[in-house]
Amino acid sequence: MVLPLSGPELALTPAEASRPDATTSSPFAPTEGTSVDFSGVLERTVDEANRLHAVAAAKTDALARGASDDLHGTMISVKEAEISMKLVGAVRNKLLDAFHELWRINL
């Protein structure tokens, strides 16, 4: 049985909701006093995609060997890895488009 995630303990009061730290934070958000480094964000994103791919490969291997019977979890891991790799590919393509656009600018 799955319990719902609603209840008074999960609700934010209006005062709490207006605080900047009340929202969910991104793992790529800068910490206090630091600046955003695009190359660092990109590197962490690629590392996370590689990690998801490794997890999916390990789960697929375990399922194929018969060491695991978690087909559902394996398929979810494979799809997560696929989506993250598509995201990395899309970002790469946008960066190349921007580079080519800058290359065509006549000064």
N, C-alpha and C. Protein backbone atom coordinates (compact mmCIF):
# COMPACT_ATOMS: atom_id res chain seq x y z
N MET A 1 0.84 -1.18 0.00
CA MET A 1 0.00 0.00 0.00
C MET A 1 0.89 1.24 0.00
N VAL A 2 0.57 2.17 -0.84
CA VAL A 2 1.32 3.41 -0.95
C VAL A 2 0.55 4.51 -0.25
N LEU A 3 1.20 5.19 0.67
CA LEU A 3 0.56 6.27 1.40
C LEU A 3 0.69 7.57 0.62
N PRO A 4 -0.34 8.40 0.65
CA PRO A 4 -0.25 9.68 -0.06
C PRO A 4 0.76 10.61 0.59
N LEU A 5 1.28 11.52 -0.18
CA LEU A 5 2.28 12.46 0.31
C LEU A 5 1.67 13.80 0.71
N SER A 6 0.43 13.79 1.06
CA SER A 6 -0.20 15.03 1.49
C SER A 6 -0.39 14.98 2.99
N GLY A 7 -0.41 16.11 3.59
CA GLY A 7 -0.61 16.17 5.03
C GLY A 7 -0.10 17.47 5.57
N PRO A 8 -0.46 17.78 6.80
CA PRO A 8 -0.04 19.05 7.37
C PRO A 8 1.47 19.15 7.56
N GLU A 9 2.15 18.01 7.72
CA GLU A 9 3.59 18.08 7.94
C GLU A 9 4.35 18.43 6.66
N LEU A 10 3.72 18.28 5.49
CA LEU A 10 4.38 18.60 4.23
C LEU A 10 4.02 19.97 3.69
N ALA A 11 3.02 20.60 4.26
CA ALA A 11 2.56 21.89 3.75
C ALA A 11 3.47 23.01 4.23
N LEU A 12 3.68 23.98 3.37
CA LEU A 12 4.46 25.16 3.73
C LEU A 12 3.49 26.28 4.08
N THR A 13 3.83 27.01 5.10
CA THR A 13 3.04 28.19 5.41
C THR A 13 3.42 29.28 4.43
N PRO A 14 2.58 30.31 4.25
CA PRO A 14 2.95 31.38 3.32
C PRO A 14 4.29 32.04 3.67
N ALA A 15 4.60 32.15 4.95
CA ALA A 15 5.88 32.75 5.35
C ALA A 15 7.04 31.86 4.92
N GLU A 16 6.88 30.54 5.07
CA GLU A 16 7.94 29.62 4.67
C GLU A 16 8.10 29.58 3.15
N ALA A 17 6.99 29.65 2.44
CA ALA A 17 7.04 29.58 0.98
C ALA A 17 7.72 30.80 0.37
N SER A 18 7.68 31.93 1.07
CA SER A 18 8.30 33.14 0.51
C SER A 18 9.80 33.19 0.74
N ARG A 19 10.33 32.32 1.58
CA ARG A 19 11.78 32.28 1.81
C ARG A 19 12.48 31.71 0.58
N PRO A 20 13.65 32.22 0.23
CA PRO A 20 14.36 31.70 -0.94
C PRO A 20 14.78 30.25 -0.77
N ASP A 21 15.06 29.80 0.45
CA ASP A 21 15.51 28.43 0.66
C ASP A 21 14.35 27.46 0.79
N ALA A 22 13.11 27.91 0.66
CA ALA A 22 11.95 27.04 0.80
C ALA A 22 11.71 26.22 -0.46
N THR A 23 12.21 26.66 -1.59
CA THR A 23 12.01 25.93 -2.83
C THR A 23 13.02 24.80 -2.91
N THR A 24 12.75 23.86 -3.79
CA THR A 24 13.71 22.78 -3.97
C THR A 24 14.93 23.33 -4.68
N SER A 25 16.08 22.92 -4.23
CA SER A 25 17.30 23.45 -4.82
C SER A 25 17.83 22.49 -5.87
N SER A 26 18.45 23.03 -6.88
CA SER A 26 19.04 22.25 -7.94
C SER A 26 20.45 21.83 -7.51
N PRO A 27 20.89 20.64 -7.91
CA PRO A 27 22.27 20.27 -7.59
C PRO A 27 23.28 21.13 -8.33
N PHE A 28 22.82 21.87 -9.33
CA PHE A 28 23.71 22.72 -10.11
C PHE A 28 23.63 24.17 -9.69
N ALA A 29 22.83 24.48 -8.67
CA ALA A 29 22.69 25.85 -8.21
C ALA A 29 23.97 26.27 -7.50
N PRO A 30 24.38 27.52 -7.68
CA PRO A 30 25.61 27.96 -7.00
C PRO A 30 25.38 28.08 -5.51
N THR A 31 26.41 27.81 -4.76
CA THR A 31 26.33 27.98 -3.32
C THR A 31 26.58 29.45 -3.00
N GLU A 32 26.36 29.81 -1.77
CA GLU A 32 26.50 31.20 -1.35
C GLU A 32 27.92 31.69 -1.63
N GLY A 33 28.03 32.81 -2.34
CA GLY A 33 29.33 33.42 -2.58
C GLY A 33 30.11 32.85 -3.75
N THR A 34 29.49 31.98 -4.54
CA THR A 34 30.20 31.43 -5.70
C THR A 34 29.47 31.83 -6.97
N SER A 35 30.18 31.74 -8.07
CA SER A 35 29.57 32.05 -9.36
C SER A 35 29.29 30.74 -10.11
N VAL A 36 28.44 30.82 -11.10
CA VAL A 36 28.10 29.65 -11.90
C VAL A 36 29.16 29.46 -12.97
N ASP A 37 29.71 28.27 -13.04
CA ASP A 37 30.72 27.92 -14.02
C ASP A 37 30.08 26.98 -15.03
N PHE A 38 29.85 27.45 -16.26
CA PHE A 38 29.15 26.64 -17.25
C PHE A 38 29.88 25.34 -17.53
N SER A 39 31.19 25.38 -17.63
CA SER A 39 31.93 24.15 -17.91
C SER A 39 31.79 23.16 -16.77
N GLY A 40 31.72 23.66 -15.54
CA GLY A 40 31.52 22.77 -14.39
C GLY A 40 30.15 22.12 -14.41
N VAL A 41 29.13 22.91 -14.76
CA VAL A 41 27.77 22.37 -14.85
C VAL A 41 27.71 21.32 -15.95
N LEU A 42 28.32 21.61 -17.08
CA LEU A 42 28.33 20.67 -18.19
C LEU A 42 29.08 19.39 -17.82
N GLU A 43 30.20 19.54 -17.14
CA GLU A 43 30.97 18.37 -16.73
C GLU A 43 30.19 17.50 -15.75
N ARG A 44 29.52 18.13 -14.78
CA ARG A 44 28.71 17.36 -13.82
C ARG A 44 27.55 16.66 -14.52
N THR A 45 26.96 17.31 -15.51
CA THR A 45 25.86 16.71 -16.25
C THR A 45 26.33 15.48 -17.03
N VAL A 46 27.47 15.59 -17.68
CA VAL A 46 28.02 14.45 -18.42
C VAL A 46 28.41 13.34 -17.46
N ASP A 47 29.01 13.68 -16.32
CA ASP A 47 29.36 12.66 -15.32
C ASP A 47 28.12 11.94 -14.82
N GLU A 48 27.04 12.69 -14.58
CA GLU A 48 25.79 12.08 -14.12
C GLU A 48 25.21 11.16 -15.19
N ALA A 49 25.28 11.57 -16.46
CA ALA A 49 24.80 10.72 -17.55
C ALA A 49 25.63 9.44 -17.63
N ASN A 50 26.94 9.55 -17.46
CA ASN A 50 27.80 8.37 -17.45
C ASN A 50 27.48 7.45 -16.28
N ARG A 51 27.22 8.04 -15.11
CA ARG A 51 26.87 7.24 -13.94
C ARG A 51 25.56 6.49 -14.17
N LEU A 52 24.56 7.18 -14.72
CA LEU A 52 23.28 6.53 -15.00
C LEU A 52 23.44 5.40 -16.01
N HIS A 53 24.31 5.62 -17.00
CA HIS A 53 24.57 4.57 -17.99
C HIS A 53 25.24 3.36 -17.35
N ALA A 54 26.18 3.59 -16.45
CA ALA A 54 26.86 2.49 -15.77
C ALA A 54 25.90 1.71 -14.89
N VAL A 55 25.01 2.41 -14.19
CA VAL A 55 24.01 1.74 -13.34
C VAL A 55 23.08 0.90 -14.20
N ALA A 56 22.63 1.46 -15.32
CA ALA A 56 21.74 0.72 -16.22
C ALA A 56 22.43 -0.51 -16.79
N ALA A 57 23.70 -0.37 -17.16
CA ALA A 57 24.45 -1.51 -17.69
C ALA A 57 24.62 -2.59 -16.64
N ALA A 58 24.90 -2.20 -15.40
CA ALA A 58 25.07 -3.17 -14.33
C ALA A 58 23.76 -3.90 -14.04
N LYS A 59 22.65 -3.16 -14.01
CA LYS A 59 21.36 -3.80 -13.76
C LYS A 59 20.96 -4.72 -14.91
N THR A 60 21.25 -4.31 -16.14
CA THR A 60 20.95 -5.15 -17.30
C THR A 60 21.78 -6.42 -17.27
N ASP A 61 23.04 -6.30 -16.92
CA ASP A 61 23.92 -7.46 -16.83
C ASP A 61 23.45 -8.42 -15.74
N ALA A 62 23.07 -7.87 -14.58
CA ALA A 62 22.58 -8.71 -13.49
C ALA A 62 21.29 -9.42 -13.88
N LEU A 63 20.43 -8.74 -14.61
CA LEU A 63 19.18 -9.36 -15.06
C LEU A 63 19.47 -10.47 -16.06
N ALA A 64 20.41 -10.23 -16.98
CA ALA A 64 20.75 -11.23 -17.99
C ALA A 64 21.40 -12.47 -17.37
N ARG A 65 22.19 -12.27 -16.32
CA ARG A 65 22.85 -13.40 -15.65
C ARG A 65 21.91 -14.16 -14.73
N GLY A 66 20.76 -13.58 -14.44
CA GLY A 66 19.82 -14.22 -13.53
C GLY A 66 20.07 -13.87 -12.08
N ALA A 67 20.98 -12.94 -11.82
CA ALA A 67 21.28 -12.52 -10.45
C ALA A 67 20.20 -11.61 -9.90
N SER A 68 19.39 -11.04 -10.78
CA SER A 68 18.32 -10.14 -10.37
C SER A 68 17.06 -10.49 -11.15
N ASP A 69 15.92 -10.28 -10.52
CA ASP A 69 14.65 -10.48 -11.23
C ASP A 69 13.85 -9.17 -11.28
N ASP A 70 14.55 -8.05 -11.09
CA ASP A 70 13.90 -6.73 -11.06
C ASP A 70 13.86 -6.15 -12.47
N LEU A 71 12.95 -6.67 -13.29
CA LEU A 71 12.82 -6.18 -14.66
C LEU A 71 12.35 -4.74 -14.68
N HIS A 72 11.41 -4.41 -13.81
CA HIS A 72 10.86 -3.05 -13.77
C HIS A 72 11.95 -2.03 -13.43
N GLY A 73 12.72 -2.28 -12.39
CA GLY A 73 13.80 -1.37 -12.00
C GLY A 73 14.86 -1.25 -13.07
N THR A 74 15.14 -2.37 -13.75
CA THR A 74 16.13 -2.35 -14.82
C THR A 74 15.66 -1.49 -15.98
N MET A 75 14.40 -1.65 -16.36
CA MET A 75 13.87 -0.86 -17.47
C MET A 75 13.83 0.63 -17.14
N ILE A 76 13.50 0.96 -15.89
CA ILE A 76 13.51 2.36 -15.47
C ILE A 76 14.92 2.93 -15.55
N SER A 77 15.90 2.17 -15.08
CA SER A 77 17.30 2.63 -15.14
C SER A 77 17.76 2.83 -16.58
N VAL A 78 17.38 1.92 -17.47
CA VAL A 78 17.76 2.03 -18.87
C VAL A 78 17.14 3.28 -19.49
N LYS A 79 15.86 3.54 -19.19
CA LYS A 79 15.20 4.73 -19.74
C LYS A 79 15.80 6.01 -19.17
N GLU A 80 16.14 6.02 -17.87
CA GLU A 80 16.78 7.20 -17.28
C GLU A 80 18.10 7.49 -17.98
N ALA A 81 18.89 6.43 -18.23
CA ALA A 81 20.17 6.61 -18.91
C ALA A 81 19.96 7.10 -20.33
N GLU A 82 18.94 6.56 -21.01
CA GLU A 82 18.65 6.99 -22.38
C GLU A 82 18.26 8.46 -22.44
N ILE A 83 17.40 8.88 -21.52
CA ILE A 83 16.95 10.28 -21.49
C ILE A 83 18.12 11.21 -21.18
N SER A 84 18.97 10.82 -20.23
CA SER A 84 20.10 11.69 -19.88
C SER A 84 21.09 11.80 -21.04
N MET A 85 21.30 10.71 -21.78
CA MET A 85 22.20 10.78 -22.93
C MET A 85 21.60 11.63 -24.05
N LYS A 86 20.27 11.55 -24.23
CA LYS A 86 19.62 12.41 -25.22
C LYS A 86 19.77 13.88 -24.83
N LEU A 87 19.66 14.17 -23.54
CA LEU A 87 19.83 15.54 -23.07
C LEU A 87 21.25 16.04 -23.34
N VAL A 88 22.23 15.22 -23.03
CA VAL A 88 23.63 15.61 -23.28
C VAL A 88 23.85 15.83 -24.78
N GLY A 89 23.28 14.96 -25.61
CA GLY A 89 23.40 15.12 -27.06
C GLY A 89 22.74 16.39 -27.55
N ALA A 90 21.57 16.72 -26.99
CA ALA A 90 20.87 17.95 -27.39
C ALA A 90 21.67 19.19 -27.00
N VAL A 91 22.26 19.17 -25.81
CA VAL A 91 23.09 20.30 -25.38
C VAL A 91 24.30 20.43 -26.28
N ARG A 92 24.91 19.31 -26.62
CA ARG A 92 26.06 19.33 -27.54
C ARG A 92 25.68 19.94 -28.88
N ASN A 93 24.53 19.52 -29.41
CA ASN A 93 24.08 20.05 -30.70
C ASN A 93 23.81 21.55 -30.64
N LYS A 94 23.22 22.01 -29.55
CA LYS A 94 22.96 23.45 -29.39
C LYS A 94 24.27 24.23 -29.30
N LEU A 95 25.25 23.67 -28.59
CA LEU A 95 26.55 24.33 -28.49
C LEU A 95 27.23 24.41 -29.86
N LEU A 96 27.14 23.35 -30.64
CA LEU A 96 27.73 23.38 -31.98
C LEU A 96 27.00 24.38 -32.88
N ASP A 97 25.68 24.44 -32.76
CA ASP A 97 24.92 25.43 -33.54
C ASP A 97 25.35 26.85 -33.17
N ALA A 98 25.52 27.10 -31.88
CA ALA A 98 25.95 28.43 -31.44
C ALA A 98 27.36 28.74 -31.94
N PHE A 99 28.25 27.75 -31.90
CA PHE A 99 29.61 27.95 -32.40
C PHE A 99 29.59 28.28 -33.89
N HIS A 100 28.81 27.53 -34.66
CA HIS A 100 28.74 27.79 -36.11
C HIS A 100 28.12 29.15 -36.40
N GLU A 101 27.15 29.54 -35.60
CA GLU A 101 26.54 30.86 -35.77
C GLU A 101 27.57 31.96 -35.52
N LEU A 102 28.38 31.80 -34.48
CA LEU A 102 29.44 32.78 -34.20
C LEU A 102 30.50 32.76 -35.29
N TRP A 103 30.78 31.60 -35.84
CA TRP A 103 31.78 31.46 -36.89
C TRP A 103 31.38 32.23 -38.14
N ARG A 104 30.07 32.30 -38.40
CA ARG A 104 29.58 32.97 -39.61
C ARG A 104 29.48 34.49 -39.47
N ILE A 105 29.69 35.00 -38.28
CA ILE A 105 29.60 36.45 -38.08
C ILE A 105 30.79 37.12 -38.74
N ASN A 106 30.51 38.12 -39.56
CA ASN A 106 31.58 38.90 -40.20
C ASN A 106 31.90 40.11 -39.34
N LEU A 107 33.14 40.29 -39.06
CA LEU A 107 33.56 41.44 -38.26
C LEU A 107 34.16 42.51 -39.11
